[in-house]
Amino acid sequence: MNYFSEAIISALQLIIQFDPEIYQIVWTSVKISLIATLFAAFFGILLGIITAISRFPGKRLIQQVLNTLMAMPTVMIGLVFYGLLSRQGPLGELGLLYTETAVIIGETCLILPIIMNMTLVAVQSADQRLISTLVMLGARPHQQILPVLSELRFTILAGVVTGFGRAIGEVGAAMMLGGNIQGVTRTMTTAIALETSKGDFELGLALGILLLIIAFAINLLLQLFNTKGIA
């Protein structure tokens, strides 16, 4: 018990003293996750709305595929893109493996189904008079996107925040695609795994505390958006 309490005190001291190594790792995590979320949000929201307001064969299959991808293990994403980006892979000449770009690509593909599916469900769960009114006014599918986005902005933003939370807590794909390189691709989750295995429990615990604080802030945002979406 004394060991654990002393480790917590040491971890808090590292946080309060603004240890540069810790905050470099935090900044790398936040930067990668934000960029991945922006890319995933752009395509996910657009595709989610288009899928929801359109009628075409295979629509239900797409939803089932999205539900499956939402539950896909992150190491599977890492495995697929490792094969694509490795030197022997089809995209190996780009030299992206073990870079921030590789991690961003992996995290974008990881959270894209989450944002797309939550957007799709948000549109389908909305007041049906919204779409029918737009159709009666003569709006074509591409003209319905902005009104739907405006009306459901808080619910859709909740999906984006959920995607960011999944991205910043990602460890499998980040480790496989980024290589956990110090100062380059080392994120909070990969650093926690590395430092704990090395015996530097205090540093790992400090990063874990900061990750919990970020997760708490994300949950507050989700609650705020959900409340406004219901209102």
Protein backbone atom coordinates (compact mmCIF):
# COMPACT_ATOMS: atom_id res chain seq x y z
CA MET A 1 0.00 0.00 0.00
CA ASN A 2 2.89 2.35 0.84
CA TYR A 3 4.41 1.66 -2.58
CA PHE A 4 1.19 2.56 -4.38
CA SER A 5 0.55 5.71 -2.34
CA GLU A 6 4.13 6.87 -2.85
CA ALA A 7 3.78 6.21 -6.59
CA ILE A 8 0.62 8.34 -6.72
CA ILE A 9 2.41 11.18 -4.91
CA SER A 10 5.36 10.95 -7.29
CA ALA A 11 3.02 10.88 -10.30
CA LEU A 12 1.16 13.98 -9.08
CA GLN A 13 4.47 15.76 -8.57
CA LEU A 14 5.48 14.99 -12.15
CA ILE A 15 2.17 16.46 -13.34
CA ILE A 16 2.32 19.56 -11.16
CA GLN A 17 5.95 20.22 -12.04
CA PHE A 18 5.03 20.09 -15.75
CA ASP A 19 7.57 17.40 -16.55
CA PRO A 20 8.48 18.06 -20.23
CA GLU A 21 8.58 14.37 -21.16
CA ILE A 22 5.05 13.80 -19.91
CA TYR A 23 3.53 16.80 -21.62
CA GLN A 24 5.35 16.04 -24.87
CA ILE A 25 3.63 12.65 -24.85
CA VAL A 26 0.27 14.23 -23.99
CA TRP A 27 0.62 16.79 -26.79
CA THR A 28 1.50 14.06 -29.30
CA SER A 29 -1.57 12.06 -28.25
CA VAL A 30 -3.94 15.01 -28.43
CA LYS A 31 -2.53 16.24 -31.76
CA ILE A 32 -2.77 12.85 -33.46
CA SER A 33 -6.25 12.18 -32.08
CA LEU A 34 -7.57 15.62 -33.07
CA ILE A 35 -6.30 15.36 -36.64
CA ALA A 36 -7.69 11.84 -36.97
CA THR A 37 -11.03 12.98 -35.56
CA LEU A 38 -11.24 15.92 -37.98
CA PHE A 39 -10.67 13.66 -40.99
CA ALA A 40 -13.07 11.00 -39.68
CA ALA A 41 -15.71 13.62 -38.83
CA PHE A 42 -15.58 15.19 -42.28
CA PHE A 43 -16.12 11.93 -44.13
CA GLY A 44 -18.17 10.17 -41.44
CA ILE A 45 -20.76 12.92 -41.02
CA LEU A 46 -21.12 13.42 -44.75
CA LEU A 47 -21.46 9.71 -45.51
CA GLY A 48 -23.72 9.15 -42.51
CA ILE A 49 -26.21 11.81 -43.56
CA ILE A 50 -26.18 10.73 -47.20
CA THR A 51 -26.77 7.10 -46.22
CA ALA A 52 -29.60 8.05 -43.86
CA ILE A 53 -31.54 10.24 -46.30
CA SER A 54 -31.03 8.03 -49.34
CA ARG A 55 -32.89 4.90 -50.36
CA PHE A 56 -30.91 2.19 -52.10
CA PRO A 57 -30.47 -1.61 -52.02
CA GLY A 58 -28.04 -2.80 -49.37
CA LYS A 59 -28.64 0.05 -46.93
CA ARG A 60 -29.34 -2.33 -44.07
CA LEU A 61 -26.20 -4.29 -44.94
CA ILE A 62 -24.14 -1.11 -44.66
CA GLN A 63 -25.51 -0.53 -41.16
CA GLN A 64 -24.61 -4.07 -40.17
CA VAL A 65 -21.11 -3.61 -41.55
CA LEU A 66 -20.74 -0.36 -39.59
CA ASN A 67 -21.87 -2.06 -36.40
CA THR A 68 -19.29 -4.78 -37.00
CA LEU A 69 -16.50 -2.28 -37.69
CA MET A 70 -17.34 -0.37 -34.50
CA ALA A 71 -16.50 -3.50 -32.51
CA MET A 72 -13.41 -4.42 -34.53
CA PRO A 73 -10.30 -4.98 -32.37
CA THR A 74 -7.84 -2.13 -32.82
CA VAL A 75 -4.96 -4.51 -33.45
CA MET A 76 -6.80 -5.66 -36.57
CA ILE A 77 -6.69 -2.09 -37.92
CA GLY A 78 -3.00 -1.97 -37.05
CA LEU A 79 -2.36 -5.31 -38.72
CA VAL A 80 -4.06 -4.32 -41.98
CA PHE A 81 -2.30 -0.98 -42.30
CA TYR A 82 1.02 -2.45 -41.18
CA GLY A 83 0.78 -4.80 -44.14
CA LEU A 84 -0.11 -1.94 -46.47
CA LEU A 85 2.55 0.49 -45.24
CA SER A 86 5.45 -1.89 -44.59
CA ARG A 87 8.33 -1.95 -47.07
CA GLN A 88 6.99 -5.10 -48.70
CA GLY A 89 3.45 -3.67 -48.85
CA PRO A 90 1.81 -1.85 -51.77
CA LEU A 91 2.27 1.53 -50.06
CA GLY A 92 5.72 0.84 -48.66
CA GLU A 93 7.44 3.28 -51.02
CA LEU A 94 5.69 6.18 -49.27
CA GLY A 95 7.71 5.53 -46.12
CA LEU A 96 4.80 6.21 -43.80
CA LEU A 97 5.26 3.34 -41.36
CA TYR A 98 6.37 4.46 -37.87
CA THR A 99 5.32 8.06 -38.48
CA GLU A 100 2.56 10.26 -37.08
CA THR A 101 0.84 10.04 -40.45
CA ALA A 102 0.56 6.27 -40.17
CA VAL A 103 -1.01 6.54 -36.71
CA ILE A 104 -3.42 9.23 -37.94
CA ILE A 105 -4.47 7.02 -40.86
CA GLY A 106 -5.05 4.07 -38.53
CA GLU A 107 -7.02 6.08 -35.98
CA THR A 108 -9.06 7.77 -38.70
CA CYS A 109 -10.15 4.41 -40.08
CA LEU A 110 -10.78 3.19 -36.54
CA ILE A 111 -13.23 5.95 -35.59
CA LEU A 112 -14.75 6.63 -39.03
CA PRO A 113 -17.38 3.85 -38.61
CA ILE A 114 -18.24 5.18 -35.14
CA ILE A 115 -18.93 8.72 -36.32
CA MET A 116 -20.67 7.57 -39.49
CA ASN A 117 -22.91 5.10 -37.66
CA MET A 118 -23.82 7.57 -34.88
CA THR A 119 -24.64 10.21 -37.50
CA LEU A 120 -26.77 7.73 -39.44
CA VAL A 121 -28.67 6.70 -36.28
CA ALA A 122 -29.11 10.36 -35.27
CA VAL A 123 -30.75 11.21 -38.60
CA GLN A 124 -32.94 8.10 -38.56
CA SER A 125 -34.03 8.83 -34.97
CA ALA A 126 -34.86 12.47 -35.69
CA ASP A 127 -38.34 13.81 -36.31
CA GLN A 128 -39.39 12.26 -39.63
CA ARG A 129 -41.10 15.51 -40.57
CA LEU A 130 -37.65 17.07 -41.06
CA ILE A 131 -36.77 14.98 -44.11
CA SER A 132 -40.33 14.91 -45.48
CA THR A 133 -40.55 18.70 -45.25
CA LEU A 134 -37.28 19.14 -47.11
CA VAL A 135 -38.50 16.73 -49.81
CA MET A 136 -41.80 18.60 -50.13
CA LEU A 137 -39.87 21.85 -50.57
CA GLY A 138 -38.07 20.24 -53.49
CA ALA A 139 -34.68 19.80 -51.86
CA ARG A 140 -32.50 17.22 -53.56
CA PRO A 141 -30.44 14.81 -51.41
CA HIS A 142 -27.29 16.96 -51.57
CA GLN A 143 -29.37 20.02 -50.63
CA GLN A 144 -30.72 18.25 -47.54
CA ILE A 145 -27.30 17.74 -45.96
CA LEU A 146 -26.79 21.22 -44.49
CA PRO A 147 -30.33 21.60 -43.01
CA VAL A 148 -30.08 18.14 -41.43
CA LEU A 149 -26.61 18.91 -40.08
CA SER A 150 -27.83 22.20 -38.62
CA GLU A 151 -30.85 20.61 -36.96
CA LEU A 152 -28.94 17.66 -35.47
CA ARG A 153 -25.62 19.41 -34.80
CA PHE A 154 -25.45 18.62 -31.08
CA THR A 155 -26.31 14.94 -31.51
CA ILE A 156 -23.79 14.62 -34.32
CA LEU A 157 -21.15 16.45 -32.29
CA ALA A 158 -21.70 13.88 -29.55
CA GLY A 159 -20.68 11.23 -32.06
CA VAL A 160 -17.56 13.20 -32.97
CA VAL A 161 -16.58 13.54 -29.31
CA THR A 162 -17.13 9.80 -28.86
CA GLY A 163 -14.80 9.18 -31.80
CA PHE A 164 -12.13 11.42 -30.27
CA GLY A 165 -12.40 9.55 -27.00
CA ARG A 166 -11.86 6.25 -28.81
CA ALA A 167 -8.89 7.68 -30.71
CA ILE A 168 -7.04 9.08 -27.72
CA GLY A 169 -7.49 5.83 -25.81
CA GLU A 170 -6.21 3.71 -28.70
CA VAL A 171 -3.15 1.57 -28.06
CA GLY A 172 -3.02 -1.41 -30.47
CA ALA A 173 -2.90 0.37 -33.83
CA ALA A 174 -0.84 3.24 -32.40
CA MET A 175 1.82 0.80 -31.20
CA MET A 176 1.94 -1.18 -34.45
CA LEU A 177 1.88 1.76 -36.86
CA GLY A 178 3.79 4.34 -34.82
CA GLY A 179 6.43 2.17 -33.25
CA ASN A 180 6.24 4.12 -29.97
CA ILE A 181 9.14 6.39 -30.98
CA GLN A 182 10.00 8.91 -28.29
CA GLY A 183 9.19 12.48 -29.26
CA VAL A 184 7.56 11.38 -32.53
CA THR A 185 4.85 8.75 -32.20
CA ARG A 186 4.80 7.93 -28.49
CA THR A 187 1.24 8.45 -27.25
CA MET A 188 -0.12 8.26 -23.71
CA THR A 189 -1.43 4.72 -24.06
CA THR A 190 1.70 3.31 -25.69
CA ALA A 191 3.92 5.14 -23.20
CA ILE A 192 1.92 3.75 -20.26
CA ALA A 193 2.42 0.23 -21.57
CA LEU A 194 6.15 0.81 -22.21
CA GLU A 195 7.04 2.63 -18.99
CA THR A 196 5.14 0.19 -16.79
CA SER A 197 6.92 -2.76 -18.42
CA LYS A 198 10.25 -0.96 -17.83
CA GLY A 199 9.43 -0.52 -14.14
CA ASP A 200 8.85 3.26 -14.31
CA PHE A 201 5.45 2.96 -12.67
CA GLU A 202 5.35 6.61 -11.55
CA LEU A 203 5.61 7.96 -15.10
CA GLY A 204 3.02 5.48 -16.35
CA LEU A 205 0.71 6.41 -13.49
CA ALA A 206 1.12 10.14 -14.20
CA LEU A 207 0.14 9.57 -17.82
CA GLY A 208 -2.78 7.41 -16.68
CA ILE A 209 -4.05 10.19 -14.43
CA LEU A 210 -3.87 12.70 -17.28
CA LEU A 211 -5.66 10.24 -19.56
CA LEU A 212 -8.43 9.89 -16.97
CA ILE A 213 -8.74 13.69 -16.76
CA ILE A 214 -9.09 13.90 -20.54
CA ALA A 215 -11.66 11.06 -20.48
CA PHE A 216 -13.61 12.91 -17.79
CA ALA A 217 -13.62 16.09 -19.90
CA ILE A 218 -14.82 14.09 -22.91
CA ASN A 219 -17.69 12.63 -20.87
CA LEU A 220 -18.68 16.13 -19.73
CA LEU A 221 -18.79 17.27 -23.36
CA LEU A 222 -20.87 14.22 -24.29
CA GLN A 223 -23.34 14.95 -21.52
CA LEU A 224 -23.56 18.59 -22.63
CA PHE A 225 -24.18 17.71 -26.29
CA ASN A 226 -26.66 14.96 -25.39
CA THR A 227 -28.60 17.37 -23.18
CA LYS A 228 -28.74 20.01 -25.91
CA GLY A 229 -29.62 17.39 -28.49
CA ILE A 230 -32.60 16.22 -26.42
CA ALA A 231 -33.65 19.79 -25.76
